[in-house]
Amino acid sequence: MRVIVITGSSDGIGAEMARQLAAREGAKVALVLAARNGAMLDAVAGQCQSLGAQTLCVPTDVSVQAECIALIDAAVARFGRIDALINNAGRSAHALFEDVQDLGWYEDLMRVNLWGSVWCTHAALAHLKAARGSIVAVSSLSGLVGVPGRSAYAASKFAMAGFFEVLRAELKDAGVSVTTAYPGVVSTQIRHHGYNAAGGMLGKSMLKEEGAMTVEECARLIVDGMERRQREVVMTAKGKFGRFLKLIAPGMVERMALAAVKEP
């Protein structure tokens, strides 16, 4: 039986990855579900159990290192091993840098998006090496191309990309795969729940949502990437083209990034 830990699994992409893994593997998988909202975790766990999977819910705030360690300890105490860690927990933000008065929420965002992944991975590393398992980091296209208004978010996601790129090389001989996923705009509420310039909740998306990828498709691409032990999953043709174009025509990419933002 494979044991898979998924952070940020109470809703959105994380919850859908859990359901898809349960549907694919049934009784062959144990899912350790982590997020802050215990009631929502329990609901997702029930859906996964109905598909045959075993589950363990561990309410976790990944911005607190001790809770990340406790999550991994709970998984090992219950199931005795960890075969995969999906670092999916994250928060969004949208604000022009010049409009930000207190940078404290920049640090808070970094603790969730970067440090939560680092702390969970560090706590699970010995177990993942023993299993020759898999690590997934759910980044964003904002971790490849900077989008105006997303300096805090992009900083956290660029940092994730760099950290896991190094880790992939360090773990190559240990047989642990590291997959970094770069979703574009996906039909979730993450942007509505992101920080605004004052550090409060944004309440709306500041990106153009037309043609947003479904949660189901995004989750499938990430899970497939993990199973194939891919290095990276860049999910859209536009994302792949933009990454290449950035090397030869960065000014054009900046104009494309500006065009992705709604008019105020």
Protein backbone atom coordinates (compact mmCIF):
# COMPACT_ATOMS: atom_id res chain seq x y z
CA MET A 1 0.00 0.00 0.00
CA ARG A 2 1.30 3.43 -0.96
CA VAL A 3 1.11 6.25 1.57
CA ILE A 4 0.67 9.73 0.10
CA VAL A 5 0.65 12.96 2.08
CA ILE A 6 -1.20 15.89 0.48
CA THR A 7 -1.10 19.37 2.01
CA GLY A 8 -3.83 21.87 1.21
CA SER A 9 -6.24 18.98 0.57
CA SER A 10 -9.45 20.35 2.09
CA ASP A 11 -10.66 21.81 -1.22
CA GLY A 12 -9.61 22.83 -4.72
CA ILE A 13 -6.74 21.07 -6.45
CA GLY A 14 -5.55 19.20 -3.35
CA ALA A 15 -8.96 17.68 -2.62
CA GLU A 16 -9.37 16.69 -6.26
CA MET A 17 -5.94 15.02 -6.34
CA ALA A 18 -6.97 13.00 -3.28
CA ARG A 19 -10.21 11.90 -4.93
CA GLN A 20 -8.46 10.96 -8.16
CA LEU A 21 -5.79 8.96 -6.35
CA ALA A 22 -8.48 7.16 -4.38
CA ALA A 23 -10.42 6.40 -7.59
CA ARG A 24 -7.29 5.10 -9.31
CA GLU A 25 -5.85 3.00 -6.51
CA GLY A 26 -8.69 2.22 -4.11
CA ALA A 27 -7.52 0.02 -1.23
CA LYS A 28 -3.94 0.18 -2.52
CA VAL A 29 -3.49 3.75 -1.27
CA ALA A 30 -3.55 5.52 2.09
CA LEU A 31 -4.08 9.27 1.88
CA VAL A 32 -2.87 11.59 4.63
CA LEU A 33 -4.90 14.77 4.23
CA ALA A 34 -3.64 18.03 5.70
CA ALA A 35 -5.13 21.54 5.82
CA ARG A 36 -6.32 23.99 8.45
CA ASN A 37 -10.05 23.20 8.18
CA GLY A 38 -10.69 19.89 9.90
CA ALA A 39 -14.37 19.66 8.94
CA MET A 40 -13.59 20.11 5.25
CA LEU A 41 -10.80 17.53 5.50
CA ASP A 42 -13.25 15.05 7.00
CA ALA A 43 -15.62 15.58 4.06
CA VAL A 44 -12.86 14.89 1.53
CA ALA A 45 -11.74 11.86 3.54
CA GLY A 46 -15.27 10.46 3.39
CA GLN A 47 -15.30 10.80 -0.40
CA CYS A 48 -11.95 9.01 -0.65
CA GLN A 49 -13.02 6.25 1.73
CA SER A 50 -16.10 5.61 -0.41
CA LEU A 51 -13.67 4.85 -3.25
CA GLY A 52 -11.80 2.31 -1.12
CA ALA A 53 -8.84 4.36 0.12
CA GLN A 54 -7.66 4.54 3.69
CA THR A 55 -7.37 8.06 5.06
CA LEU A 56 -5.91 10.03 7.93
CA CYS A 57 -6.88 13.67 8.50
CA VAL A 58 -4.31 15.87 10.21
CA PRO A 59 -5.41 19.50 10.66
CA THR A 60 -2.25 21.42 9.83
CA ASP A 61 -1.13 25.02 9.38
CA VAL A 62 1.93 24.63 7.17
CA SER A 63 3.16 28.11 8.11
CA VAL A 64 4.12 26.63 11.49
CA GLN A 65 7.15 24.32 11.37
CA ALA A 66 6.09 22.30 14.41
CA GLU A 67 2.79 21.46 12.72
CA CYS A 68 4.59 20.32 9.56
CA ILE A 69 6.74 17.98 11.65
CA ALA A 70 3.67 16.74 13.53
CA LEU A 71 1.94 15.97 10.21
CA ILE A 72 4.76 13.75 9.03
CA ASP A 73 5.08 12.10 12.44
CA ALA A 74 1.34 11.32 12.42
CA ALA A 75 1.54 9.78 8.95
CA VAL A 76 4.43 7.52 9.90
CA ALA A 77 2.87 6.59 13.25
CA ARG A 78 -0.32 5.48 11.49
CA PHE A 79 1.02 3.86 8.33
CA GLY A 80 4.73 3.22 8.96
CA ARG A 81 6.01 4.83 5.77
CA ILE A 82 5.64 7.69 3.29
CA ASP A 83 5.84 7.04 -0.45
CA ALA A 84 4.91 10.47 -1.76
CA LEU A 85 4.57 14.02 -0.48
CA ILE A 86 2.49 16.49 -2.47
CA ASN A 87 3.25 20.05 -1.33
CA ASN A 88 0.06 21.71 -2.50
CA ALA A 89 -0.84 24.13 0.30
CA GLY A 90 -0.63 27.72 -0.80
CA ARG A 91 -2.18 31.16 -0.71
CA SER A 92 -2.50 33.80 -3.41
CA ALA A 93 -2.05 37.58 -3.37
CA HIS A 94 -2.50 40.52 -5.71
CA ALA A 95 -1.27 44.05 -5.01
CA LEU A 96 0.95 46.62 -6.61
CA PHE A 97 4.14 46.84 -4.57
CA GLU A 98 3.87 50.61 -4.22
CA ASP A 99 0.42 50.23 -2.62
CA VAL A 100 1.67 47.95 0.18
CA GLN A 101 2.22 49.78 3.46
CA ASP A 102 3.04 46.85 5.76
CA LEU A 103 5.17 44.07 4.30
CA GLY A 104 4.34 41.68 7.11
CA TRP A 105 1.91 39.74 4.96
CA TYR A 106 4.65 39.21 2.37
CA GLU A 107 6.49 37.24 5.04
CA ASP A 108 3.29 35.38 6.01
CA LEU A 109 2.74 34.39 2.38
CA MET A 110 6.31 33.13 2.10
CA ARG A 111 5.84 31.00 5.21
CA VAL A 112 2.88 29.23 3.60
CA ASN A 113 4.01 28.92 -0.01
CA LEU A 114 7.73 28.32 0.46
CA TRP A 115 8.51 27.40 4.04
CA GLY A 116 5.54 25.09 4.42
CA SER A 117 6.85 23.03 1.52
CA VAL A 118 10.43 23.16 2.82
CA TRP A 119 9.45 22.14 6.36
CA CYS A 120 7.20 19.27 5.27
CA THR A 121 9.80 17.99 2.82
CA HIS A 122 12.59 18.16 5.40
CA ALA A 123 10.52 16.24 7.95
CA ALA A 124 9.57 13.55 5.40
CA LEU A 125 12.91 13.25 3.61
CA ALA A 126 14.33 10.19 5.37
CA HIS A 127 11.07 8.30 4.83
CA LEU A 128 10.89 9.29 1.17
CA LYS A 129 14.47 8.15 0.63
CA ALA A 130 13.72 4.81 2.31
CA ALA A 131 10.77 4.33 -0.08
CA ARG A 132 12.58 5.76 -3.12
CA GLY A 133 9.46 7.82 -3.36
CA SER A 134 8.20 11.03 -4.92
CA ILE A 135 7.99 14.70 -4.00
CA VAL A 136 5.62 17.08 -5.76
CA ALA A 137 5.78 20.87 -5.48
CA VAL A 138 2.73 22.71 -6.77
CA SER A 139 4.10 26.03 -7.96
CA SER A 140 2.45 28.31 -10.54
CA LEU A 141 3.14 29.92 -13.89
CA SER A 142 3.87 32.92 -11.66
CA GLY A 143 6.92 30.93 -10.61
CA LEU A 144 8.18 31.08 -14.20
CA VAL A 145 6.97 34.47 -15.44
CA GLY A 146 6.35 37.53 -13.29
CA VAL A 147 2.83 38.99 -13.54
CA PRO A 148 2.19 42.62 -12.51
CA GLY A 149 0.54 42.87 -9.11
CA ARG A 150 1.85 39.48 -8.03
CA SER A 151 5.28 40.35 -6.63
CA ALA A 152 4.71 38.57 -3.30
CA TYR A 153 3.13 35.51 -4.89
CA ALA A 154 5.71 35.28 -7.66
CA ALA A 155 8.56 35.63 -5.16
CA SER A 156 7.25 32.66 -3.19
CA LYS A 157 6.71 30.54 -6.29
CA PHE A 158 10.06 31.42 -7.92
CA ALA A 159 11.67 30.45 -4.60
CA MET A 160 9.84 27.12 -4.64
CA ALA A 161 11.05 26.45 -8.18
CA GLY A 162 14.67 27.11 -7.23
CA PHE A 163 14.54 25.07 -4.04
CA PHE A 164 13.03 22.00 -5.64
CA GLU A 165 15.30 22.23 -8.69
CA VAL A 166 18.30 21.94 -6.37
CA LEU A 167 16.65 19.20 -4.33
CA ARG A 168 15.96 17.19 -7.48
CA ALA A 169 19.66 17.10 -8.27
CA GLU A 170 20.61 16.29 -4.68
CA LEU A 171 18.18 13.35 -4.52
CA LYS A 172 18.88 11.89 -7.96
CA ASP A 173 21.16 9.14 -6.66
CA ALA A 174 18.74 8.38 -3.81
CA GLY A 175 16.02 7.43 -6.29
CA VAL A 176 13.56 10.10 -5.13
CA SER A 177 11.75 11.94 -7.91
CA VAL A 178 10.94 15.64 -7.60
CA THR A 179 8.15 16.98 -9.79
CA THR A 180 7.39 20.71 -9.94
CA ALA A 181 3.96 21.60 -11.34
CA TYR A 182 3.20 25.00 -12.85
CA PRO A 183 -0.57 25.51 -13.13
CA GLY A 184 -1.90 28.58 -14.90
CA VAL A 185 -5.32 30.02 -14.13
CA VAL A 186 -7.45 27.23 -12.64
CA SER A 187 -11.14 27.41 -11.69
CA THR A 188 -10.66 27.61 -7.93
CA GLN A 189 -11.30 30.29 -5.29
CA ILE A 190 -7.61 30.68 -4.37
CA ARG A 191 -7.34 34.15 -5.92
CA HIS A 192 -10.50 35.34 -4.12
CA HIS A 193 -8.99 34.26 -0.79
CA GLY A 194 -5.61 35.88 -1.47
CA TYR A 195 -4.10 38.92 0.21
CA ASN A 196 -4.86 42.45 -0.94
CA ALA A 197 -2.51 45.42 -0.54
CA ALA A 198 -3.58 45.97 3.07
CA GLY A 199 -3.08 42.33 4.00
CA GLY A 200 -6.80 41.56 4.05
CA MET A 201 -8.75 39.16 1.84
CA LEU A 202 -8.92 40.17 -1.81
CA GLY A 203 -12.45 38.83 -2.36
CA LYS A 204 -12.13 38.62 -6.14
CA SER A 205 -9.77 37.52 -8.88
CA MET A 206 -7.63 40.17 -10.55
CA LEU A 207 -6.73 37.88 -13.45
CA LYS A 208 -8.72 37.22 -16.60
CA GLU A 209 -10.51 33.93 -15.98
CA GLU A 210 -11.71 33.16 -19.50
CA GLY A 211 -10.58 29.70 -20.51
CA ALA A 212 -9.47 28.77 -16.98
CA MET A 213 -8.45 25.13 -16.61
CA THR A 214 -10.81 22.90 -14.66
CA VAL A 215 -9.74 21.65 -11.26
CA GLU A 216 -10.19 18.09 -12.49
CA GLU A 217 -7.81 18.55 -15.43
CA CYS A 218 -5.19 20.32 -13.33
CA ALA A 219 -5.26 17.61 -10.67
CA ARG A 220 -5.01 14.88 -13.31
CA LEU A 221 -1.96 16.48 -14.90
CA ILE A 222 -0.20 16.78 -11.54
CA VAL A 223 -0.98 13.20 -10.51
CA ASP A 224 0.10 11.90 -13.93
CA GLY A 225 3.34 13.88 -13.62
CA MET A 226 4.04 12.37 -10.21
CA GLU A 227 3.31 8.83 -11.41
CA ARG A 228 5.60 9.29 -14.42
CA ARG A 229 8.24 10.86 -12.17
CA GLN A 230 8.44 13.87 -14.48
CA ARG A 231 10.76 16.74 -13.65
CA GLU A 232 8.21 19.43 -14.45
CA VAL A 233 4.59 19.79 -15.47
CA VAL A 234 3.92 23.01 -17.40
CA MET A 235 0.23 22.68 -18.11
CA THR A 236 -0.71 24.93 -21.00
CA ALA A 237 0.62 25.63 -24.46
CA LYS A 238 0.65 29.33 -23.57
CA GLY A 239 2.74 28.61 -20.49
CA LYS A 240 5.23 26.52 -22.44
CA PHE A 241 5.46 29.13 -25.20
CA GLY A 242 5.86 31.96 -22.69
CA ARG A 243 8.68 30.18 -20.92
CA PHE A 244 10.56 29.73 -24.20
CA LEU A 245 9.77 33.25 -25.42
CA LYS A 246 11.11 34.74 -22.19
CA LEU A 247 14.60 33.62 -23.25
CA ILE A 248 14.53 35.39 -26.60
CA ALA A 249 11.94 38.17 -26.30
CA PRO A 250 11.44 39.10 -22.64
CA GLY A 251 9.74 42.40 -23.49
CA MET A 252 7.02 40.53 -25.36
CA VAL A 253 6.47 38.26 -22.36
CA GLU A 254 6.06 41.31 -20.13
CA ARG A 255 3.35 42.61 -22.45
CA MET A 256 1.63 39.21 -22.34
CA ALA A 257 1.77 39.27 -18.54
CA LEU A 258 0.23 42.74 -18.45
CA ALA A 259 -2.55 41.54 -20.74
CA ALA A 260 -3.41 38.73 -18.30
CA VAL A 261 -4.38 41.23 -15.58
CA LYS A 262 -7.86 42.74 -15.39
CA GLU A 263 -8.27 46.47 -15.67
CA PRO A 264 -8.85 48.00 -12.20
